[in-house]
């Protein structure tokens, strides 16, 4: 029973931190502290209390965190930069990594662009696909034509 006060303090501190951050940072350990507090109030020794704290905290962290994070982040919108990956655009200015030139028109905006290959050149008016964004530059490749061979 002598450690119950310490577990209660730990529980309150962890809950205050969780309330302040709202990032699911310490709630798992607060659950472990609650179980350790109950064990302390039942007269369990300090080693048993610590084992309860660690086991419950790890179980909560491993099994409930992924579900909680997925549930809380389901309505998160991608930023503009994330949204452009995979989109198609038109080369507005010839892209040449060697010359350090190139622009792509994408969704009404013009972006600086580079090819995925070092020495690559993509001519103006070519349809390209955005692979990734590095800093403020799009990394693109020529969009492959769909449908295969046509005669």
Protein backbone atom coordinates (compact mmCIF):
# COMPACT_ATOMS: atom_id res chain seq x y z
CA UNK A 1 0.00 0.00 0.00
CA UNK A 2 3.00 2.29 0.49
CA UNK A 3 3.56 2.67 -3.28
CA UNK A 4 -0.11 3.41 -4.08
CA UNK A 5 0.46 7.16 -3.69
CA UNK A 6 3.32 7.07 -6.19
CA UNK A 7 1.23 5.16 -8.72
CA UNK A 8 -1.62 7.63 -8.22
CA UNK A 9 0.79 10.54 -8.83
CA UNK A 10 2.18 8.78 -11.93
CA UNK A 11 -1.36 8.17 -13.20
CA UNK A 12 -2.36 11.83 -12.76
CA UNK A 13 0.86 13.12 -14.35
CA UNK A 14 0.48 10.79 -17.34
CA UNK A 15 -3.16 11.82 -17.82
CA UNK A 16 -2.24 15.52 -17.62
CA UNK A 17 0.49 15.01 -20.22
CA UNK A 18 -1.97 13.16 -22.46
CA UNK A 19 -4.55 15.92 -22.09
CA UNK A 20 -1.94 18.55 -22.93
CA UNK A 21 -0.56 16.82 -26.02
CA UNK A 22 -3.65 15.08 -27.44
CA UNK A 23 -1.29 12.85 -29.37
CA UNK A 24 -1.83 9.44 -27.76
CA UNK A 25 1.60 9.70 -26.19
CA UNK A 26 1.12 8.54 -22.60
CA UNK A 27 -2.39 7.10 -22.33
CA UNK A 28 -1.02 3.56 -22.64
CA UNK A 29 1.26 4.07 -19.65
CA UNK A 30 -1.57 5.66 -17.68
CA UNK A 31 -3.45 2.38 -18.10
CA UNK A 32 -0.43 0.51 -16.76
CA UNK A 33 -0.16 2.93 -13.84
CA UNK A 34 -3.85 2.37 -13.04
CA UNK A 35 -3.39 -1.40 -12.88
CA UNK A 36 -0.22 -0.97 -10.79
CA UNK A 37 -2.19 1.32 -8.44
CA UNK A 38 -4.88 -1.34 -8.05
CA UNK A 39 -2.19 -3.97 -7.40
CA UNK A 40 -0.60 -1.72 -4.77
CA UNK A 41 -3.94 -1.19 -3.06
CA UNK A 42 -4.45 -4.96 -2.98
CA UNK A 43 -1.14 -5.36 -1.16
CA UNK A 44 1.04 -6.68 -3.99
CA UNK A 45 4.79 -6.18 -3.68
CA UNK A 46 6.70 -3.57 -5.64
CA UNK A 47 8.06 -6.13 -8.15
CA UNK A 48 4.53 -7.34 -8.93
CA UNK A 49 3.39 -3.73 -9.31
CA UNK A 50 6.20 -2.99 -11.77
CA UNK A 51 5.48 -6.16 -13.75
CA UNK A 52 1.78 -5.21 -13.92
CA UNK A 53 2.68 -1.68 -15.05
CA UNK A 54 5.08 -2.87 -17.77
CA UNK A 55 2.92 -5.74 -19.05
CA UNK A 56 -0.31 -3.73 -19.21
CA UNK A 57 1.44 -0.72 -20.77
CA UNK A 58 3.06 -2.87 -23.46
CA UNK A 59 -0.16 -4.76 -24.20
CA UNK A 60 -2.08 -1.50 -24.56
CA UNK A 61 0.68 0.03 -26.67
CA UNK A 62 1.05 -2.95 -29.01
CA UNK A 63 -2.58 -3.95 -29.47
CA UNK A 64 -4.67 -0.80 -29.14
CA UNK A 65 -2.41 1.97 -30.45
CA UNK A 66 -2.61 0.99 -34.15
CA UNK A 67 -6.41 0.83 -33.96
CA UNK A 68 -6.67 4.14 -32.11
CA UNK A 69 -4.26 5.92 -34.46
CA UNK A 70 -6.15 4.63 -37.52
CA UNK A 71 -9.47 5.72 -36.00
CA UNK A 72 -8.21 9.19 -35.06
CA UNK A 73 -6.42 9.83 -38.38
CA UNK A 74 -9.16 8.60 -40.73
CA UNK A 75 -10.33 12.12 -41.60
CA UNK A 76 -6.85 13.58 -42.11
CA UNK A 77 -6.61 15.27 -45.48
CA UNK A 78 -3.47 15.04 -47.53
CA UNK A 79 -1.61 18.28 -48.04
CA UNK A 80 -1.26 19.75 -51.52
CA UNK A 81 2.19 18.24 -51.87
CA UNK A 82 0.97 14.74 -50.94
CA UNK A 83 -1.96 15.03 -53.33
CA UNK A 84 0.17 15.58 -56.44
CA UNK A 85 2.00 12.26 -56.18
CA UNK A 86 0.64 9.98 -58.89
CA UNK A 87 -1.07 12.82 -60.78
CA UNK A 88 -0.51 13.53 -64.46
CA UNK A 89 0.76 16.85 -65.77
CA UNK A 90 1.95 18.47 -68.99
CA UNK A 91 5.54 19.60 -69.46
CA UNK A 92 5.39 23.40 -69.84
CA UNK A 93 9.15 23.85 -70.26
CA UNK A 94 11.57 21.15 -71.41
CA UNK A 95 12.89 19.20 -68.42
CA UNK A 96 16.64 18.72 -68.34
CA UNK A 97 18.39 17.73 -65.14
CA UNK A 98 21.76 18.57 -66.62
CA UNK A 99 20.70 22.12 -67.55
CA UNK A 100 18.62 22.49 -64.37
CA UNK A 101 15.49 23.45 -66.29
CA UNK A 102 11.97 22.19 -66.46
CA UNK A 103 8.42 23.05 -65.49
CA UNK A 104 5.24 21.01 -65.32
CA UNK A 105 1.69 22.32 -65.40
CA UNK A 106 -0.36 20.37 -62.88
CA UNK A 107 -3.87 21.18 -61.76
CA UNK A 108 -3.63 24.78 -62.90
CA UNK A 109 -0.31 25.36 -61.12
CA UNK A 110 3.19 25.38 -62.58
CA UNK A 111 5.83 23.41 -60.70
CA UNK A 112 9.58 23.17 -61.16
CA UNK A 113 10.31 19.62 -62.25
CA UNK A 114 13.17 17.17 -62.76
CA UNK A 115 13.28 13.70 -64.29
CA UNK A 116 13.81 10.54 -62.28
CA UNK A 117 16.98 9.74 -64.26
CA UNK A 118 20.08 11.94 -63.98
CA UNK A 119 20.66 12.71 -67.66
CA UNK A 120 17.04 12.54 -68.70
CA UNK A 121 15.35 15.07 -70.96
CA UNK A 122 11.59 15.33 -71.39
CA UNK A 123 10.34 17.57 -74.21
CA UNK A 124 7.64 20.23 -73.89
CA UNK A 125 3.98 19.11 -74.16
CA UNK A 126 4.79 15.57 -72.95
CA UNK A 127 2.40 13.98 -70.44
CA UNK A 128 4.25 13.05 -67.27
CA UNK A 129 3.41 11.33 -63.99
CA UNK A 130 4.58 12.67 -60.62
CA UNK A 131 6.67 10.12 -58.72
CA UNK A 132 7.57 12.18 -55.65
CA UNK A 133 8.30 15.66 -54.39
CA UNK A 134 11.80 16.68 -53.32
CA UNK A 135 11.82 20.08 -51.68
CA UNK A 136 9.80 22.25 -54.09
CA UNK A 137 10.53 20.19 -57.22
CA UNK A 138 8.43 17.45 -58.72
CA UNK A 139 10.27 14.30 -59.76
CA UNK A 140 8.47 12.99 -62.84
CA UNK A 141 8.60 10.32 -65.50
CA UNK A 142 7.02 10.10 -68.93
CA UNK A 143 3.51 8.69 -68.63
CA UNK A 144 3.30 5.36 -70.42
CA UNK A 145 0.52 5.07 -72.97
CA UNK A 146 -2.28 2.74 -71.98
CA UNK A 147 -3.81 0.15 -74.26
CA UNK A 148 -0.67 -1.39 -75.74
CA UNK A 149 -0.15 -1.63 -79.53
CA UNK A 150 -2.68 -0.03 -81.83
CA UNK A 151 -2.72 -0.51 -85.60
